[in-house]
């Protein structure tokens, strides 16, 4: 169960990060900086979590390859 939680948590944080980047790209609105301050310690933690979750999600490519071979 712990592995499933980590997968869903990472995916959720990465999606939130992607939405934030979309807001920056389309509307020049950084929601994290707006809510928590520009480069405050809390916003730095959030940016770090998004980066770590993105790195973890790279391992999902291996899962996709495994599913392809078993199908």
Protein backbone atom coordinates (compact mmCIF):
# COMPACT_ATOMS: atom_id res chain seq x y z
CA UNK A 1 0.00 0.00 0.00
CA UNK A 2 2.86 2.38 0.73
CA UNK A 3 4.06 2.18 -2.86
CA UNK A 4 0.59 3.05 -4.22
CA UNK A 5 0.41 6.06 -1.89
CA UNK A 6 3.80 7.27 -3.10
CA UNK A 7 2.74 6.88 -6.72
CA UNK A 8 -0.52 8.77 -6.27
CA UNK A 9 1.15 11.45 -4.14
CA UNK A 10 3.90 11.98 -6.71
CA UNK A 11 1.44 12.10 -9.56
CA UNK A 12 -0.77 14.61 -7.73
CA UNK A 13 2.15 16.90 -6.87
CA UNK A 14 3.47 16.72 -10.45
CA UNK A 15 0.03 17.62 -11.84
CA UNK A 16 -0.18 20.58 -9.46
CA UNK A 17 3.27 21.66 -10.63
CA UNK A 18 2.23 21.31 -14.26
CA UNK A 19 -0.87 23.42 -13.66
CA UNK A 20 1.29 26.06 -12.00
CA UNK A 21 3.62 26.10 -15.03
CA UNK A 22 0.62 26.40 -17.31
CA UNK A 23 -0.59 29.41 -15.34
CA UNK A 24 2.87 30.95 -15.59
CA UNK A 25 3.01 30.33 -19.33
CA UNK A 26 -0.46 31.50 -20.25
CA UNK A 27 -1.21 34.22 -17.70
CA UNK A 28 2.17 35.08 -16.11
CA UNK A 29 0.66 34.02 -12.78
CA UNK A 30 2.82 32.01 -10.41
CA UNK A 31 0.27 30.56 -7.99
CA UNK A 32 2.89 29.18 -5.58
CA UNK A 33 4.60 32.57 -5.28
CA UNK A 34 1.23 34.28 -4.95
CA UNK A 35 0.11 32.01 -2.11
CA UNK A 36 3.37 31.48 -0.23
CA UNK A 37 5.64 34.37 -1.25
CA UNK A 38 8.36 34.64 -3.82
CA UNK A 39 11.08 32.13 -2.90
CA UNK A 40 10.01 31.87 0.74
CA UNK A 41 11.09 28.73 2.57
CA UNK A 42 7.64 27.21 2.04
CA UNK A 43 7.60 27.91 -1.69
CA UNK A 44 11.11 26.46 -2.00
CA UNK A 45 9.89 23.28 -0.30
CA UNK A 46 6.97 23.07 -2.73
CA UNK A 47 9.24 23.59 -5.74
CA UNK A 48 11.60 20.95 -4.36
CA UNK A 49 8.75 18.47 -3.86
CA UNK A 50 7.55 19.03 -7.42
CA UNK A 51 11.06 18.37 -8.70
CA UNK A 52 11.52 15.24 -6.60
CA UNK A 53 8.13 13.89 -7.64
CA UNK A 54 8.98 14.53 -11.28
CA UNK A 55 12.20 12.58 -10.88
CA UNK A 56 10.34 9.74 -9.20
CA UNK A 57 7.79 9.66 -12.01
CA UNK A 58 10.61 8.93 -14.45
CA UNK A 59 10.51 5.40 -13.05
CA UNK A 60 6.98 5.05 -14.45
CA UNK A 61 8.51 4.62 -17.91
CA UNK A 62 9.78 1.26 -16.71
CA UNK A 63 6.28 0.31 -15.57
CA UNK A 64 4.85 1.20 -18.98
CA UNK A 65 7.49 -0.95 -20.67
CA UNK A 66 6.64 -3.88 -18.36
CA UNK A 67 2.93 -3.57 -19.18
CA UNK A 68 3.70 -3.60 -22.89
CA UNK A 69 5.62 -6.84 -22.69
CA UNK A 70 2.93 -8.65 -20.68
CA UNK A 71 0.05 -7.58 -22.93
